[in-house]
Amino acid sequence: MRIPSRYSPIVFGALLSAIMVAIVSAFVLVTTQGFHAGLAQQWAKSCLTTWPVAFPTVTLIAPWVRRVVGRVTA
């Protein structure tokens, strides 16, 4: 199954935000609380509550970031 290319910005935002939320929430939880028995459940809850904020943010901000990068790079 392939997704039509017109949805590329949405797929990009979904994947990037999901990866970033997973990594950052795991990092924050481990550094603030350490490894413990309920870490996996707490991590999943953290991901599920922050991804709905991260996804539209990344999707809306990405075009602006691409323009800025295009201006500051050779």
N, C-alpha and C. Protein backbone atom coordinates (compact mmCIF):
# COMPACT_ATOMS: atom_id res chain seq x y z
N MET A 1 0.83 -1.18 0.00
CA MET A 1 0.00 0.00 0.00
C MET A 1 0.88 1.25 0.00
N ARG A 2 0.66 2.10 -0.97
CA ARG A 2 1.43 3.34 -1.05
C ARG A 2 0.50 4.52 -0.87
N ILE A 3 1.00 5.51 -0.19
CA ILE A 3 0.23 6.73 0.06
C ILE A 3 0.53 7.70 -1.07
N PRO A 4 -0.49 8.34 -1.64
CA PRO A 4 -0.24 9.30 -2.72
C PRO A 4 0.70 10.42 -2.27
N SER A 5 1.54 10.87 -3.20
CA SER A 5 2.57 11.86 -2.86
C SER A 5 1.98 13.19 -2.40
N ARG A 6 0.75 13.49 -2.75
CA ARG A 6 0.16 14.75 -2.30
C ARG A 6 0.01 14.81 -0.78
N TYR A 7 0.07 13.65 -0.13
CA TYR A 7 -0.01 13.59 1.33
C TYR A 7 1.36 13.59 2.00
N SER A 8 2.41 13.79 1.23
CA SER A 8 3.77 13.76 1.77
C SER A 8 3.98 14.67 2.97
N PRO A 9 3.52 15.92 2.94
CA PRO A 9 3.74 16.78 4.12
C PRO A 9 3.07 16.22 5.38
N ILE A 10 1.90 15.64 5.24
CA ILE A 10 1.20 15.08 6.40
C ILE A 10 1.91 13.83 6.91
N VAL A 11 2.35 12.97 5.99
CA VAL A 11 3.07 11.76 6.39
C VAL A 11 4.39 12.13 7.04
N PHE A 12 5.08 13.12 6.46
CA PHE A 12 6.33 13.61 7.05
C PHE A 12 6.10 14.09 8.48
N GLY A 13 5.09 14.94 8.67
CA GLY A 13 4.79 15.46 10.00
C GLY A 13 4.42 14.38 10.98
N ALA A 14 3.64 13.41 10.53
CA ALA A 14 3.23 12.31 11.41
C ALA A 14 4.43 11.48 11.86
N LEU A 15 5.27 11.10 10.91
CA LEU A 15 6.43 10.27 11.26
C LEU A 15 7.45 11.03 12.10
N LEU A 16 7.79 12.24 11.69
CA LEU A 16 8.78 13.00 12.45
C LEU A 16 8.29 13.28 13.86
N SER A 17 7.04 13.70 13.99
CA SER A 17 6.54 14.00 15.34
C SER A 17 6.44 12.76 16.20
N ALA A 18 6.04 11.63 15.63
CA ALA A 18 5.95 10.39 16.40
C ALA A 18 7.33 9.95 16.89
N ILE A 19 8.31 10.03 16.02
CA ILE A 19 9.68 9.64 16.41
C ILE A 19 10.21 10.58 17.48
N MET A 20 10.04 11.87 17.29
CA MET A 20 10.55 12.84 18.26
C MET A 20 9.85 12.71 19.61
N VAL A 21 8.53 12.55 19.60
CA VAL A 21 7.80 12.38 20.86
C VAL A 21 8.27 11.13 21.59
N ALA A 22 8.45 10.04 20.87
CA ALA A 22 8.89 8.79 21.50
C ALA A 22 10.27 8.95 22.14
N ILE A 23 11.19 9.56 21.41
CA ILE A 23 12.56 9.71 21.92
C ILE A 23 12.61 10.70 23.08
N VAL A 24 12.02 11.87 22.90
CA VAL A 24 12.11 12.90 23.93
C VAL A 24 11.37 12.49 25.20
N SER A 25 10.19 11.91 25.07
CA SER A 25 9.46 11.52 26.28
C SER A 25 10.19 10.41 27.02
N ALA A 26 10.79 9.47 26.31
CA ALA A 26 11.58 8.42 26.98
C ALA A 26 12.78 9.04 27.69
N PHE A 27 13.46 9.96 27.02
CA PHE A 27 14.63 10.61 27.62
C PHE A 27 14.25 11.37 28.89
N VAL A 28 13.19 12.15 28.82
CA VAL A 28 12.76 12.93 29.98
C VAL A 28 12.35 12.03 31.13
N LEU A 29 11.58 11.00 30.84
CA LEU A 29 11.14 10.10 31.90
C LEU A 29 12.32 9.38 32.57
N VAL A 30 13.24 8.89 31.76
CA VAL A 30 14.38 8.16 32.33
C VAL A 30 15.30 9.09 33.12
N THR A 31 15.53 10.30 32.60
CA THR A 31 16.44 11.20 33.33
C THR A 31 15.81 11.76 34.60
N THR A 32 14.49 11.92 34.62
CA THR A 32 13.87 12.48 35.82
C THR A 32 13.45 11.42 36.83
N GLN A 33 13.11 10.22 36.36
CA GLN A 33 12.59 9.19 37.27
C GLN A 33 13.42 7.92 37.29
N GLY A 34 14.32 7.76 36.33
CA GLY A 34 15.10 6.54 36.24
C GLY A 34 14.25 5.40 35.72
N PHE A 35 14.89 4.25 35.59
CA PHE A 35 14.18 3.05 35.14
C PHE A 35 13.39 2.50 36.32
N HIS A 36 12.10 2.22 36.10
CA HIS A 36 11.27 1.66 37.15
C HIS A 36 10.20 0.77 36.53
N ALA A 37 9.46 0.07 37.36
CA ALA A 37 8.51 -0.93 36.89
C ALA A 37 7.43 -0.35 35.98
N GLY A 38 6.94 0.84 36.24
CA GLY A 38 5.85 1.40 35.45
C GLY A 38 6.30 2.30 34.31
N LEU A 39 7.58 2.25 33.98
CA LEU A 39 8.12 3.16 32.97
C LEU A 39 7.46 2.99 31.61
N ALA A 40 7.27 1.77 31.16
CA ALA A 40 6.69 1.54 29.83
C ALA A 40 5.28 2.12 29.73
N GLN A 41 4.49 1.90 30.76
CA GLN A 41 3.13 2.43 30.74
C GLN A 41 3.12 3.96 30.80
N GLN A 42 3.99 4.51 31.62
CA GLN A 42 4.08 5.96 31.74
C GLN A 42 4.57 6.57 30.43
N TRP A 43 5.52 5.91 29.78
CA TRP A 43 6.06 6.37 28.50
C TRP A 43 4.96 6.35 27.43
N ALA A 44 4.19 5.27 27.38
CA ALA A 44 3.10 5.18 26.40
C ALA A 44 2.07 6.29 26.63
N LYS A 45 1.72 6.53 27.88
CA LYS A 45 0.76 7.58 28.19
C LYS A 45 1.32 8.95 27.79
N SER A 46 2.59 9.16 28.06
CA SER A 46 3.23 10.43 27.71
C SER A 46 3.21 10.63 26.19
N CYS A 47 3.51 9.58 25.45
CA CYS A 47 3.51 9.67 23.99
C CYS A 47 2.11 9.97 23.47
N LEU A 48 1.13 9.28 24.01
CA LEU A 48 -0.25 9.45 23.54
C LEU A 48 -0.82 10.83 23.87
N THR A 49 -0.33 11.45 24.94
CA THR A 49 -0.85 12.77 25.30
C THR A 49 -0.09 13.91 24.62
N THR A 50 1.16 13.69 24.26
CA THR A 50 1.93 14.77 23.64
C THR A 50 1.93 14.73 22.12
N TRP A 51 1.73 13.57 21.52
CA TRP A 51 1.76 13.49 20.06
C TRP A 51 0.68 14.34 19.40
N PRO A 52 -0.54 14.42 19.95
CA PRO A 52 -1.53 15.29 19.31
C PRO A 52 -1.13 16.78 19.28
N VAL A 53 -0.22 17.18 20.12
CA VAL A 53 0.30 18.54 20.08
C VAL A 53 1.47 18.62 19.09
N ALA A 54 2.34 17.62 19.13
CA ALA A 54 3.53 17.63 18.29
C ALA A 54 3.20 17.50 16.80
N PHE A 55 2.24 16.67 16.45
CA PHE A 55 1.93 16.43 15.04
C PHE A 55 1.50 17.69 14.30
N PRO A 56 0.49 18.42 14.77
CA PRO A 56 0.15 19.63 14.03
C PRO A 56 1.24 20.70 14.09
N THR A 57 1.97 20.74 15.19
CA THR A 57 3.06 21.71 15.31
C THR A 57 4.11 21.46 14.24
N VAL A 58 4.57 20.22 14.14
CA VAL A 58 5.59 19.87 13.14
C VAL A 58 5.04 20.09 11.74
N THR A 59 3.82 19.70 11.49
CA THR A 59 3.23 19.83 10.17
C THR A 59 3.10 21.29 9.75
N LEU A 60 2.75 22.15 10.68
CA LEU A 60 2.59 23.57 10.36
C LEU A 60 3.92 24.32 10.31
N ILE A 61 4.88 23.92 11.12
CA ILE A 61 6.16 24.63 11.21
C ILE A 61 7.16 24.17 10.15
N ALA A 62 7.07 22.94 9.67
CA ALA A 62 8.05 22.39 8.73
C ALA A 62 8.24 23.24 7.47
N PRO A 63 7.19 23.74 6.83
CA PRO A 63 7.43 24.57 5.64
C PRO A 63 8.24 25.84 5.95
N TRP A 64 7.96 26.45 7.07
CA TRP A 64 8.71 27.63 7.48
C TRP A 64 10.17 27.29 7.73
N VAL A 65 10.42 26.18 8.42
CA VAL A 65 11.79 25.76 8.70
C VAL A 65 12.53 25.47 7.40
N ARG A 66 11.87 24.83 6.44
CA ARG A 66 12.51 24.55 5.15
C ARG A 66 12.91 25.86 4.45
N ARG A 67 12.04 26.87 4.50
CA ARG A 67 12.37 28.17 3.89
C ARG A 67 13.56 28.82 4.59
N VAL A 68 13.57 28.79 5.91
CA VAL A 68 14.68 29.38 6.66
C VAL A 68 15.99 28.66 6.32
N VAL A 69 15.95 27.35 6.31
CA VAL A 69 17.14 26.57 5.98
C VAL A 69 17.61 26.89 4.56
N GLY A 70 16.67 27.04 3.63
CA GLY A 70 17.03 27.39 2.27
C GLY A 70 17.72 28.74 2.16
N ARG A 71 17.34 29.68 3.02
CA ARG A 71 17.95 31.00 3.01
C ARG A 71 19.32 31.05 3.67
N VAL A 72 19.54 30.22 4.67
CA VAL A 72 20.81 30.29 5.41
C VAL A 72 21.86 29.29 4.94
N THR A 73 21.51 28.46 3.98
CA THR A 73 22.49 27.52 3.45
C THR A 73 22.81 27.87 2.01
N ALA A 74 23.99 27.43 1.60
CA ALA A 74 24.46 27.75 0.24
C ALA A 74 23.89 26.79 -0.77
